[in-house]
Amino acid sequence: MNIEPAKTRFQQGLKKILESLKRIGTDPYGDWRILLCAALVGCALFLAYSIRIFSLVNKGEFFVGIPREAARVDSIDRAALQDTLQSFTAKKLKFEELRTRPLHFDEPSI
């Protein structure tokens, strides 16, 4: 397996990029080549950084949390619940009484 053709193509591509840097602003294709290479390098750096952070988190060296005590669940206060239900029942009865029985108003013109 000969690696020389790939090596020479890489070197030629690198030369094109370096030549494009010299002619920045005059060759639109070179400008796009520079932008593309910069974006690819940025993506590669971001990917490497993300993998590094992921491995640190998995090892427990990053974002080390404080051990928490067992969760405490408050039980329902049945007496307060019954009081609430009774107050809503009383409000419902009062509403029904007001809705079904007409209100008596004195005639103001008399």
PDB file of N, CA and C in Angstrom:
ATOM      1  N   MET A   1       0.844  -1.170   0.000  1.00  0.00           N
ATOM      2  CA  MET A   1       0.000   0.000   0.000  1.00  0.00           C
ATOM      3  C   MET A   1       0.896   1.242   0.000  1.00  0.00           C
ATOM      4  N   ASN A   2       0.728   2.056  -1.029  1.00  0.00           N
ATOM      5  CA  ASN A   2       1.572   3.229  -1.192  1.00  0.00           C
ATOM      6  C   ASN A   2       0.835   4.468  -0.692  1.00  0.00           C
ATOM      7  N   ILE A   3       1.443   5.176   0.213  1.00  0.00           N
ATOM      8  CA  ILE A   3       0.834   6.345   0.816  1.00  0.00           C
ATOM      9  C   ILE A   3       1.314   7.646   0.167  1.00  0.00           C
ATOM     10  N   GLU A   4       2.285   7.553  -0.721  1.00  0.00           N
ATOM     11  CA  GLU A   4       2.884   8.741  -1.343  1.00  0.00           C
ATOM     12  C   GLU A   4       1.878   9.580  -2.129  1.00  0.00           C
ATOM     13  N   PRO A   5       0.970   8.991  -2.960  1.00  0.00           N
ATOM     14  CA  PRO A   5       0.026   9.848  -3.704  1.00  0.00           C
ATOM     15  C   PRO A   5      -0.877  10.660  -2.763  1.00  0.00           C
ATOM     16  N   ALA A   6      -1.329  10.045  -1.692  1.00  0.00           N
ATOM     17  CA  ALA A   6      -2.185  10.765  -0.753  1.00  0.00           C
ATOM     18  C   ALA A   6      -1.396  11.871  -0.061  1.00  0.00           C
ATOM     19  N   LYS A   7      -0.139  11.602   0.239  1.00  0.00           N
ATOM     20  CA  LYS A   7       0.707  12.584   0.899  1.00  0.00           C
ATOM     21  C   LYS A   7       0.949  13.786  -0.017  1.00  0.00           C
ATOM     22  N   THR A   8       1.220  13.511  -1.294  1.00  0.00           N
ATOM     23  CA  THR A   8       1.464  14.615  -2.227  1.00  0.00           C
ATOM     24  C   THR A   8       0.184  15.415  -2.477  1.00  0.00           C
ATOM     25  N   ARG A   9      -0.971  14.736  -2.547  1.00  0.00           N
ATOM     26  CA  ARG A   9      -2.239  15.458  -2.711  1.00  0.00           C
ATOM     27  C   ARG A   9      -2.511  16.343  -1.513  1.00  0.00           C
ATOM     28  N   PHE A  10      -2.203  15.857  -0.311  1.00  0.00           N
ATOM     29  CA  PHE A  10      -2.385  16.652   0.900  1.00  0.00           C
ATOM     30  C   PHE A  10      -1.470  17.877   0.872  1.00  0.00           C
ATOM     31  N   GLN A  11      -0.223  17.663   0.461  1.00  0.00           N
ATOM     32  CA  GLN A  11       0.725  18.777   0.389  1.00  0.00           C
ATOM     33  C   GLN A  11       0.282  19.799  -0.657  1.00  0.00           C
ATOM     34  N   GLN A  12      -0.235  19.315  -1.788  1.00  0.00           N
ATOM     35  CA  GLN A  12      -0.722  20.234  -2.818  1.00  0.00           C
ATOM     36  C   GLN A  12      -1.922  21.030  -2.314  1.00  0.00           C
ATOM     37  N   GLY A  13      -2.819  20.364  -1.606  1.00  0.00           N
ATOM     38  CA  GLY A  13      -3.972  21.056  -1.040  1.00  0.00           C
ATOM     39  C   GLY A  13      -3.547  22.094  -0.024  1.00  0.00           C
ATOM     40  N   LEU A  14      -2.561  21.751   0.797  1.00  0.00           N
ATOM     41  CA  LEU A  14      -2.049  22.688   1.788  1.00  0.00           C
ATOM     42  C   LEU A  14      -1.395  23.888   1.111  1.00  0.00           C
ATOM     43  N   LYS A  15      -0.680  23.642   0.017  1.00  0.00           N
ATOM     44  CA  LYS A  15      -0.068  24.747  -0.733  1.00  0.00           C
ATOM     45  C   LYS A  15      -1.143  25.667  -1.304  1.00  0.00           C
ATOM     46  N   LYS A  16      -2.241  25.068  -1.817  1.00  0.00           N
ATOM     47  CA  LYS A  16      -3.332  25.878  -2.360  1.00  0.00           C
ATOM     48  C   LYS A  16      -3.939  26.765  -1.274  1.00  0.00           C
ATOM     49  N   ILE A  17      -4.091  26.203  -0.097  1.00  0.00           N
ATOM     50  CA  ILE A  17      -4.665  26.979   1.009  1.00  0.00           C
ATOM     51  C   ILE A  17      -3.731  28.119   1.397  1.00  0.00           C
ATOM     52  N   LEU A  18      -2.431  27.828   1.477  1.00  0.00           N
ATOM     53  CA  LEU A  18      -1.471  28.870   1.833  1.00  0.00           C
ATOM     54  C   LEU A  18      -1.401  29.950   0.755  1.00  0.00           C
ATOM     55  N   GLU A  19      -1.496  29.551  -0.502  1.00  0.00           N
ATOM     56  CA  GLU A  19      -1.528  30.534  -1.585  1.00  0.00           C
ATOM     57  C   GLU A  19      -2.805  31.362  -1.526  1.00  0.00           C
ATOM     58  N   SER A  20      -3.916  30.732  -1.131  1.00  0.00           N
ATOM     59  CA  SER A  20      -5.172  31.459  -0.999  1.00  0.00           C
ATOM     60  C   SER A  20      -5.088  32.495   0.108  1.00  0.00           C
ATOM     61  N   LEU A  21      -4.335  32.178   1.162  1.00  0.00           N
ATOM     62  CA  LEU A  21      -4.161  33.147   2.246  1.00  0.00           C
ATOM     63  C   LEU A  21      -3.405  34.383   1.759  1.00  0.00           C
ATOM     64  N   LYS A  22      -2.486  34.176   0.833  1.00  0.00           N
ATOM     65  CA  LYS A  22      -1.736  35.311   0.296  1.00  0.00           C
ATOM     66  C   LYS A  22      -2.614  36.181  -0.588  1.00  0.00           C
ATOM     67  N   ARG A  23      -3.578  35.563  -1.279  1.00  0.00           N
ATOM     68  CA  ARG A  23      -4.434  36.292  -2.218  1.00  0.00           C
ATOM     69  C   ARG A  23      -5.825  36.553  -1.631  1.00  0.00           C
ATOM     70  N   ILE A  24      -5.928  36.666  -0.325  1.00  0.00           N
ATOM     71  CA  ILE A  24      -7.243  36.823   0.303  1.00  0.00           C
ATOM     72  C   ILE A  24      -7.901  38.113  -0.190  1.00  0.00           C
ATOM     73  N   GLY A  25      -9.135  38.006  -0.580  1.00  0.00           N
ATOM     74  CA  GLY A  25      -9.884  39.143  -1.073  1.00  0.00           C
ATOM     75  C   GLY A  25      -9.826  39.319  -2.573  1.00  0.00           C
ATOM     76  N   THR A  26      -8.943  38.616  -3.249  1.00  0.00           N
ATOM     77  CA  THR A  26      -8.845  38.756  -4.707  1.00  0.00           C
ATOM     78  C   THR A  26      -9.400  37.547  -5.436  1.00  0.00           C
ATOM     79  N   ASP A  27      -9.379  36.398  -4.794  1.00  0.00           N
ATOM     80  CA  ASP A  27      -9.859  35.164  -5.424  1.00  0.00           C
ATOM     81  C   ASP A  27     -11.050  34.633  -4.624  1.00  0.00           C
ATOM     82  N   PRO A  28     -12.267  34.692  -5.184  1.00  0.00           N
ATOM     83  CA  PRO A  28     -13.429  34.229  -4.413  1.00  0.00           C
ATOM     84  C   PRO A  28     -13.374  32.739  -4.083  1.00  0.00           C
ATOM     85  N   TYR A  29     -12.847  31.920  -4.975  1.00  0.00           N
ATOM     86  CA  TYR A  29     -12.752  30.490  -4.696  1.00  0.00           C
ATOM     87  C   TYR A  29     -11.769  30.223  -3.558  1.00  0.00           C
ATOM     88  N   GLY A  30     -10.699  30.981  -3.535  1.00  0.00           N
ATOM     89  CA  GLY A  30      -9.731  30.849  -2.448  1.00  0.00           C
ATOM     90  C   GLY A  30     -10.326  31.291  -1.120  1.00  0.00           C
ATOM     91  N   ASP A  31     -11.138  32.345  -1.166  1.00  0.00           N
ATOM     92  CA  ASP A  31     -11.782  32.812   0.067  1.00  0.00           C
ATOM     93  C   ASP A  31     -12.727  31.751   0.615  1.00  0.00           C
ATOM     94  N   TRP A  32     -13.490  31.132  -0.279  1.00  0.00           N
ATOM     95  CA  TRP A  32     -14.394  30.078   0.182  1.00  0.00           C
ATOM     96  C   TRP A  32     -13.614  28.879   0.716  1.00  0.00           C
ATOM     97  N   ARG A  33     -12.488  28.588   0.090  1.00  0.00           N
ATOM     98  CA  ARG A  33     -11.655  27.471   0.551  1.00  0.00           C
ATOM     99  C   ARG A  33     -11.144  27.760   1.968  1.00  0.00           C
ATOM    100  N   ILE A  34     -10.741  28.999   2.216  1.00  0.00           N
ATOM    101  CA  ILE A  34     -10.258  29.377   3.549  1.00  0.00           C
ATOM    102  C   ILE A  34     -11.389  29.271   4.574  1.00  0.00           C
ATOM    103  N   LEU A  35     -12.563  29.775   4.202  1.00  0.00           N
ATOM    104  CA  LEU A  35     -13.711  29.685   5.121  1.00  0.00           C
ATOM    105  C   LEU A  35     -14.077  28.235   5.424  1.00  0.00           C
ATOM    106  N   LEU A  36     -14.065  27.393   4.400  1.00  0.00           N
ATOM    107  CA  LEU A  36     -14.393  25.984   4.594  1.00  0.00           C
ATOM    108  C   LEU A  36     -13.376  25.307   5.505  1.00  0.00           C
ATOM    109  N   CYS A  37     -12.107  25.566   5.263  1.00  0.00           N
ATOM    110  CA  CYS A  37     -11.065  24.957   6.103  1.00  0.00           C
ATOM    111  C   CYS A  37     -11.155  25.448   7.544  1.00  0.00           C
ATOM    112  N   ALA A  38     -11.424  26.734   7.719  1.00  0.00           N
ATOM    113  CA  ALA A  38     -11.555  27.274   9.078  1.00  0.00           C
ATOM    114  C   ALA A  38     -12.751  26.636   9.793  1.00  0.00           C
ATOM    115  N   ALA A  39     -13.850  26.457   9.065  1.00  0.00           N
ATOM    116  CA  ALA A  39     -15.029  25.828   9.674  1.00  0.00           C
ATOM    117  C   ALA A  39     -14.738  24.371  10.028  1.00  0.00           C
ATOM    118  N   LEU A  40     -14.053  23.660   9.155  1.00  0.00           N
ATOM    119  CA  LEU A  40     -13.737  22.256   9.443  1.00  0.00           C
ATOM    120  C   LEU A  40     -12.794  22.132  10.637  1.00  0.00           C
ATOM    121  N   VAL A  41     -11.803  23.010  10.709  1.00  0.00           N
ATOM    122  CA  VAL A  41     -10.885  22.987  11.856  1.00  0.00           C
ATOM    123  C   VAL A  41     -11.645  23.314  13.139  1.00  0.00           C
ATOM    124  N   GLY A  42     -12.536  24.303  13.066  1.00  0.00           N
ATOM    125  CA  GLY A  42     -13.345  24.644  14.238  1.00  0.00           C
ATOM    126  C   GLY A  42     -14.218  23.485  14.685  1.00  0.00           C
ATOM    127  N   CYS A  43     -14.838  22.800  13.732  1.00  0.00           N
ATOM    128  CA  CYS A  43     -15.677  21.634  14.071  1.00  0.00           C
ATOM    129  C   CYS A  43     -14.843  20.523  14.696  1.00  0.00           C
ATOM    130  N   ALA A  44     -13.663  20.301  14.151  1.00  0.00           N
ATOM    131  CA  ALA A  44     -12.794  19.247  14.701  1.00  0.00           C
ATOM    132  C   ALA A  44     -12.362  19.590  16.123  1.00  0.00           C
ATOM    133  N   LEU A  45     -12.010  20.848  16.367  1.00  0.00           N
ATOM    134  CA  LEU A  45     -11.629  21.262  17.724  1.00  0.00           C
ATOM    135  C   LEU A  45     -12.802  21.140  18.694  1.00  0.00           C
ATOM    136  N   PHE A  46     -13.983  21.549  18.241  1.00  0.00           N
ATOM    137  CA  PHE A  46     -15.168  21.433  19.085  1.00  0.00           C
ATOM    138  C   PHE A  46     -15.478  19.975  19.402  1.00  0.00           C
ATOM    139  N   LEU A  47     -15.359  19.109  18.419  1.00  0.00           N
ATOM    140  CA  LEU A  47     -15.606  17.682  18.635  1.00  0.00           C
ATOM    141  C   LEU A  47     -14.599  17.092  19.617  1.00  0.00           C
ATOM    142  N   ALA A  48     -13.332  17.457  19.473  1.00  0.00           N
ATOM    143  CA  ALA A  48     -12.304  16.954  20.392  1.00  0.00           C
ATOM    144  C   ALA A  48     -12.570  17.443  21.818  1.00  0.00           C
ATOM    145  N   TYR A  49     -12.949  18.715  21.957  1.00  0.00           N
ATOM    146  CA  TYR A  49     -13.250  19.261  23.281  1.00  0.00           C
ATOM    147  C   TYR A  49     -14.473  18.571  23.896  1.00  0.00           C
ATOM    148  N   SER A  50     -15.484  18.326  23.088  1.00  0.00           N
ATOM    149  CA  SER A  50     -16.692  17.661  23.576  1.00  0.00           C
ATOM    150  C   SER A  50     -16.390  16.239  24.038  1.00  0.00           C
ATOM    151  N   ILE A  51     -15.578  15.529  23.285  1.00  0.00           N
ATOM    152  CA  ILE A  51     -15.206  14.164  23.672  1.00  0.00           C
ATOM    153  C   ILE A  51     -14.429  14.192  24.977  1.00  0.00           C
ATOM    154  N   ARG A  52     -13.538  15.173  25.129  1.00  0.00           N
ATOM    155  CA  ARG A  52     -12.751  15.289  26.363  1.00  0.00           C
ATOM    156  C   ARG A  52     -13.660  15.548  27.568  1.00  0.00           C
ATOM    157  N   ILE A  53     -14.589  16.478  27.438  1.00  0.00           N
ATOM    158  CA  ILE A  53     -15.516  16.779  28.531  1.00  0.00           C
ATOM    159  C   ILE A  53     -16.383  15.561  28.839  1.00  0.00           C
ATOM    160  N   PHE A  54     -16.852  14.862  27.810  1.00  0.00           N
ATOM    161  CA  PHE A  54     -17.670  13.671  28.010  1.00  0.00           C
ATOM    162  C   PHE A  54     -16.903  12.608  28.800  1.00  0.00           C
ATOM    163  N   SER A  55     -15.644  12.410  28.455  1.00  0.00           N
ATOM    164  CA  SER A  55     -14.858  11.398  29.167  1.00  0.00           C
ATOM    165  C   SER A  55     -14.616  11.821  30.619  1.00  0.00           C
ATOM    166  N   LEU A  56     -14.398  13.113  30.851  1.00  0.00           N
ATOM    167  CA  LEU A  56     -14.212  13.581  32.228  1.00  0.00           C
ATOM    168  C   LEU A  56     -15.481  13.424  33.061  1.00  0.00           C
ATOM    169  N   VAL A  57     -16.619  13.678  32.463  1.00  0.00           N
ATOM    170  CA  VAL A  57     -17.885  13.520  33.183  1.00  0.00           C
ATOM    171  C   VAL A  57     -18.127  12.060  33.505  1.00  0.00           C
ATOM    172  N   ASN A  58     -17.833  11.173  32.560  1.00  0.00           N
ATOM    173  CA  ASN A  58     -18.010   9.742  32.805  1.00  0.00           C
ATOM    174  C   ASN A  58     -17.101   9.228  33.912  1.00  0.00           C
ATOM    175  N   LYS A  59     -15.899   9.782  34.001  1.00  0.00           N
ATOM    176  CA  LYS A  59     -14.972   9.360  35.052  1.00  0.00           C
ATOM    177  C   LYS A  59     -15.329   9.961  36.404  1.00  0.00           C
ATOM    178  N   GLY A  60     -16.157  10.986  36.396  1.00  0.00           N
ATOM    179  CA  GLY A  60     -16.536  11.625  37.645  1.00  0.00           C
ATOM    180  C   GLY A  60     -15.583  12.723  38.073  1.00  0.00           C
ATOM    181  N   GLU A  61     -14.720  13.177  37.160  1.00  0.00           N
ATOM    182  CA  GLU A  61     -13.765  14.227  37.491  1.00  0.00           C
ATOM    183  C   GLU A  61     -14.321  15.613  37.189  1.00  0.00           C
ATOM    184  N   PHE A  62     -15.423  15.677  36.514  1.00  0.00           N
ATOM    185  CA  PHE A  62     -16.022  16.938  36.096  1.00  0.00           C
ATOM    186  C   PHE A  62     -17.463  16.940  36.568  1.00  0.00           C
ATOM    187  N   PHE A  63     -17.946  18.026  37.084  1.00  0.00           N
ATOM    188  CA  PHE A  63     -19.300  18.123  37.626  1.00  0.00           C
ATOM    189  C   PHE A  63     -19.525  17.104  38.732  1.00  0.00           C
ATOM    190  N   VAL A  64     -18.632  17.083  39.693  1.00  0.00           N
ATOM    191  CA  VAL A  64     -18.774  16.161  40.806  1.00  0.00           C
ATOM    192  C   VAL A  64     -19.867  16.715  41.718  1.00  0.00           C
ATOM    193  N   GLY A  65     -20.879  15.927  41.907  1.00  0.00           N
ATOM    194  CA  GLY A  65     -22.000  16.369  42.727  1.00  0.00           C
ATOM    195  C   GLY A  65     -21.823  16.006  44.185  1.00  0.00           C
ATOM    196  N   ILE A  66     -22.553  16.714  45.010  1.00  0.00           N
ATOM    197  CA  ILE A  66     -22.545  16.431  46.444  1.00  0.00           C
ATOM    198  C   ILE A  66     -23.524  15.289  46.685  1.00  0.00           C
ATOM    199  N   PRO A  67     -23.114  14.270  47.434  1.00  0.00           N
ATOM    200  CA  PRO A  67     -24.054  13.180  47.706  1.00  0.00           C
ATOM    201  C   PRO A  67     -25.269  13.708  48.456  1.00  0.00           C
ATOM    202  N   ARG A  68     -26.403  13.323  48.021  1.00  0.00           N
ATOM    203  CA  ARG A  68     -27.643  13.810  48.628  1.00  0.00           C
ATOM    204  C   ARG A  68     -28.183  12.776  49.595  1.00  0.00           C
ATOM    205  N   GLU A  69     -28.889  13.286  50.569  1.00  0.00           N
ATOM    206  CA  GLU A  69     -29.546  12.378  51.500  1.00  0.00           C
ATOM    207  C   GLU A  69     -30.835  11.873  50.859  1.00  0.00           C
ATOM    208  N   ALA A  70     -31.362  10.841  51.427  1.00  0.00           N
ATOM    209  CA  ALA A  70     -32.563  10.227  50.864  1.00  0.00           C
ATOM    210  C   ALA A  70     -33.710  11.238  50.845  1.00  0.00           C
ATOM    211  N   ALA A  71     -34.492  11.177  49.800  1.00  0.00           N
ATOM    212  CA  ALA A  71     -35.605  12.105  49.664  1.00  0.00           C
ATOM    213  C   ALA A  71     -36.653  11.820  50.730  1.00  0.00           C
ATOM    214  N   ARG A  72     -37.182  12.910  51.274  1.00  0.00           N
ATOM    215  CA  ARG A  72     -38.203  12.782  52.308  1.00  0.00           C
ATOM    216  C   ARG A  72     -39.532  13.211  51.708  1.00  0.00           C
ATOM    217  N   VAL A  73     -40.501  12.358  51.807  1.00  0.00           N
ATOM    218  CA  VAL A  73     -41.813  12.649  51.251  1.00  0.00           C
ATOM    219  C   VAL A  73     -42.769  12.960  52.397  1.00  0.00           C
ATOM    220  N   ASP A  74     -43.374  14.132  52.330  1.00  0.00           N
ATOM    221  CA  ASP A  74     -44.353  14.499  53.348  1.00  0.00           C
ATOM    222  C   ASP A  74     -45.660  13.773  53.049  1.00  0.00           C
ATOM    223  N   SER A  75     -46.242  13.213  54.083  1.00  0.00           N
ATOM    224  CA  SER A  75     -47.517  12.532  53.888  1.00  0.00           C
ATOM    225  C   SER A  75     -48.636  13.571  53.833  1.00  0.00           C
ATOM    226  N   ILE A  76     -49.741  13.164  53.299  1.00  0.00           N
ATOM    227  CA  ILE A  76     -50.883  14.063  53.149  1.00  0.00           C
ATOM    228  C   ILE A  76     -51.539  14.273  54.510  1.00  0.00           C
ATOM    229  N   ASP A  77     -51.789  15.517  54.816  1.00  0.00           N
ATOM    230  CA  ASP A  77     -52.495  15.857  56.048  1.00  0.00           C
ATOM    231  C   ASP A  77     -53.991  15.656  55.788  1.00  0.00           C
ATOM    232  N   ARG A  78     -54.515  14.541  56.281  1.00  0.00           N
ATOM    233  CA  ARG A  78     -55.909  14.175  55.980  1.00  0.00           C
ATOM    234  C   ARG A  78     -56.912  15.162  56.583  1.00  0.00           C
ATOM    235  N   ALA A  79     -56.614  15.710  57.750  1.00  0.00           N
ATOM    236  CA  ALA A  79     -57.537  16.659  58.374  1.00  0.00           C
ATOM    237  C   ALA A  79     -57.639  17.933  57.532  1.00  0.00           C
ATOM    238  N   ALA A  80     -56.496  18.431  57.037  1.00  0.00           N
ATOM    239  CA  ALA A  80     -56.524  19.631  56.201  1.00  0.00           C
ATOM    240  C   ALA A  80     -57.227  19.346  54.876  1.00  0.00           C
ATOM    241  N   LEU A  81     -57.055  18.155  54.357  1.00  0.00           N
ATOM    242  CA  LEU A  81     -57.724  17.776  53.120  1.00  0.00           C
ATOM    243  C   LEU A  81     -59.242  17.732  53.322  1.00  0.00           C
ATOM    244  N   GLN A  82     -59.687  17.160  54.423  1.00  0.00           N
ATOM    245  CA  GLN A  82     -61.124  17.108  54.716  1.00  0.00           C
ATOM    246  C   GLN A  82     -61.701  18.514  54.900  1.00  0.00           C
ATOM    247  N   ASP A  83     -60.963  19.393  55.587  1.00  0.00           N
ATOM    248  CA  ASP A  83     -61.428  20.774  55.757  1.00  0.00           C
ATOM    249  C   ASP A  83     -61.574  21.472  54.408  1.00  0.00           C
ATOM    250  N   THR A  84     -60.622  21.250  53.528  1.00  0.00           N
ATOM    251  CA  THR A  84     -60.680  21.862  52.193  1.00  0.00           C
ATOM    252  C   THR A  84     -61.875  21.335  51.413  1.00  0.00           C
ATOM    253  N   LEU A  85     -62.098  20.026  51.474  1.00  0.00           N
ATOM    254  CA  LEU A  85     -63.244  19.445  50.764  1.00  0.00           C
ATOM    255  C   LEU A  85     -64.567  19.970  51.319  1.00  0.00           C
ATOM    256  N   GLN A  86     -64.641  20.114  52.630  1.00  0.00           N
ATOM    257  CA  GLN A  86     -65.870  20.642  53.233  1.00  0.00           C
ATOM    258  C   GLN A  86     -66.106  22.092  52.832  1.00  0.00           C
ATOM    259  N   SER A  87     -65.053  22.889  52.774  1.00  0.00           N
ATOM    260  CA  SER A  87     -65.238  24.287  52.381  1.00  0.00           C
ATOM    261  C   SER A  87     -65.691  24.384  50.928  1.00  0.00           C
ATOM    262  N   PHE A  88     -65.154  23.532  50.046  1.00  0.00           N
ATOM    263  CA  PHE A  88     -65.593  23.547  48.658  1.00  0.00           C
ATOM    264  C   PHE A  88     -67.032  23.047  48.527  1.00  0.00           C
ATOM    265  N   THR A  89     -67.415  22.074  49.332  1.00  0.00           N
ATOM    266  CA  THR A  89     -68.799  21.589  49.319  1.00  0.00           C
ATOM    267  C   THR A  89     -69.746  22.694  49.782  1.00  0.00           C
ATOM    268  N   ALA A  90     -69.352  23.422  50.822  1.00  0.00           N
ATOM    269  CA  ALA A  90     -70.183  24.529  51.306  1.00  0.00           C
ATOM    270  C   ALA A  90     -70.302  25.621  50.249  1.00  0.00           C
ATOM    271  N   LYS A  91     -69.205  25.919  49.555  1.00  0.00           N
ATOM    272  CA  LYS A  91     -69.258  26.925  48.494  1.00  0.00           C
ATOM    273  C   LYS A  91     -70.148  26.463  47.351  1.00  0.00           C
ATOM    274  N   LYS A  92     -70.097  25.172  47.031  1.00  0.00           N
ATOM    275  CA  LYS A  92     -70.933  24.645  45.959  1.00  0.00           C
ATOM    276  C   LYS A  92     -72.411  24.748  46.328  1.00  0.00           C
ATOM    277  N   LEU A  93     -72.739  24.403  47.571  1.00  0.00           N
ATOM    278  CA  LEU A  93     -74.130  24.509  48.011  1.00  0.00           C
ATOM    279  C   LEU A  93     -74.603  25.957  47.990  1.00  0.00           C
ATOM    280  N   LYS A  94     -73.780  26.876  48.431  1.00  0.00           N
ATOM    281  CA  LYS A  94     -74.139  28.298  48.430  1.00  0.00           C
ATOM    282  C   LYS A  94     -74.338  28.792  47.004  1.00  0.00           C
ATOM    283  N   PHE A  95     -73.490  28.370  46.089  1.00  0.00           N
ATOM    284  CA  PHE A  95     -73.610  28.765  44.688  1.00  0.00           C
ATOM    285  C   PHE A  95     -74.909  28.237  44.093  1.00  0.00           C
ATOM    286  N   GLU A  96     -75.203  26.961  44.347  1.00  0.00           N
ATOM    287  CA  GLU A  96     -76.436  26.378  43.813  1.00  0.00           C
ATOM    288  C   GLU A  96     -77.657  27.093  44.385  1.00  0.00           C
ATOM    289  N   GLU A  97     -77.606  27.439  45.655  1.00  0.00           N
ATOM    290  CA  GLU A  97     -78.723  28.146  46.279  1.00  0.00           C
ATOM    291  C   GLU A  97     -78.910  29.519  45.630  1.00  0.00           C
ATOM    292  N   LEU A  98     -77.853  30.224  45.382  1.00  0.00           N
ATOM    293  CA  LEU A  98     -77.946  31.541  44.751  1.00  0.00           C
ATOM    294  C   LEU A  98     -78.368  31.433  43.288  1.00  0.00           C
ATOM    295  N   ARG A  99     -77.980  30.376  42.635  1.00  0.00           N
ATOM    296  CA  ARG A  99     -78.305  30.207  41.219  1.00  0.00           C
ATOM    297  C   ARG A  99     -79.774  29.841  41.026  1.00  0.00           C
ATOM    298  N   THR A 100     -80.328  29.017  41.894  1.00  0.00           N
ATOM    299  CA  THR A 100     -81.702  28.538  41.702  1.00  0.00           C
ATOM    300  C   THR A 100     -82.738  29.453  42.330  1.00  0.00           C
ATOM    301  N   ARG A 101     -82.408  30.131  43.396  1.00  0.00           N
ATOM    302  CA  ARG A 101     -83.375  30.999  44.068  1.00  0.00           C
ATOM    303  C   ARG A 101     -83.172  32.425  43.578  1.00  0.00           C
ATOM    304  N   PRO A 102     -84.215  33.089  43.151  1.00  0.00           N
ATOM    305  CA  PRO A 102     -84.059  34.471  42.702  1.00  0.00           C
ATOM    306  C   PRO A 102     -83.746  35.383  43.893  1.00  0.00           C
ATOM    307  N   LEU A 103     -82.980  36.402  43.623  1.00  0.00           N
ATOM    308  CA  LEU A 103     -82.637  37.362  44.662  1.00  0.00           C
ATOM    309  C   LEU A 103     -83.777  38.361  44.831  1.00  0.00           C
ATOM    310  N   HIS A 104     -83.978  38.782  46.050  1.00  0.00           N
ATOM    311  CA  HIS A 104     -85.046  39.742  46.337  1.00  0.00           C
ATOM    312  C   HIS A 104     -84.416  41.121  46.502  1.00  0.00           C
ATOM    313  N   PHE A 105     -84.854  42.047  45.651  1.00  0.00           N
ATOM    314  CA  PHE A 105     -84.395  43.423  45.746  1.00  0.00           C
ATOM    315  C   PHE A 105     -85.609  44.309  45.991  1.00  0.00           C
ATOM    316  N   ASP A 106     -85.459  45.280  46.844  1.00  0.00           N
ATOM    317  CA  ASP A 106     -86.533  46.264  47.036  1.00  0.00           C
ATOM    318  C   ASP A 106     -86.576  47.167  45.818  1.00  0.00           C
ATOM    319  N   GLU A 107     -87.785  47.585  45.489  1.00  0.00           N
ATOM    320  CA  GLU A 107     -87.955  48.462  44.345  1.00  0.00           C
ATOM    321  C   GLU A 107     -87.421  49.841  44.699  1.00  0.00           C
ATOM    322  N   PRO A 108     -86.417  50.321  44.007  1.00  0.00           N
ATOM    323  CA  PRO A 108     -85.816  51.605  44.369  1.00  0.00           C
ATOM    324  C   PRO A 108     -86.666  52.816  44.000  1.00  0.00           C
ATOM    325  N   SER A 109     -87.652  52.649  43.098  1.00  0.00           N
ATOM    326  CA  SER A 109     -88.442  53.806  42.660  1.00  0.00           C
ATOM    327  C   SER A 109     -89.587  54.116  43.622  1.00  0.00           C
ATOM    328  N   ILE A 110     -89.840  53.280  44.578  1.00  0.00           N
ATOM    329  CA  ILE A 110     -90.964  53.510  45.488  1.00  0.00           C
ATOM    330  C   ILE A 110     -90.559  54.429  46.608  1.00  0.00           C
TER     331      ILE A 110
END
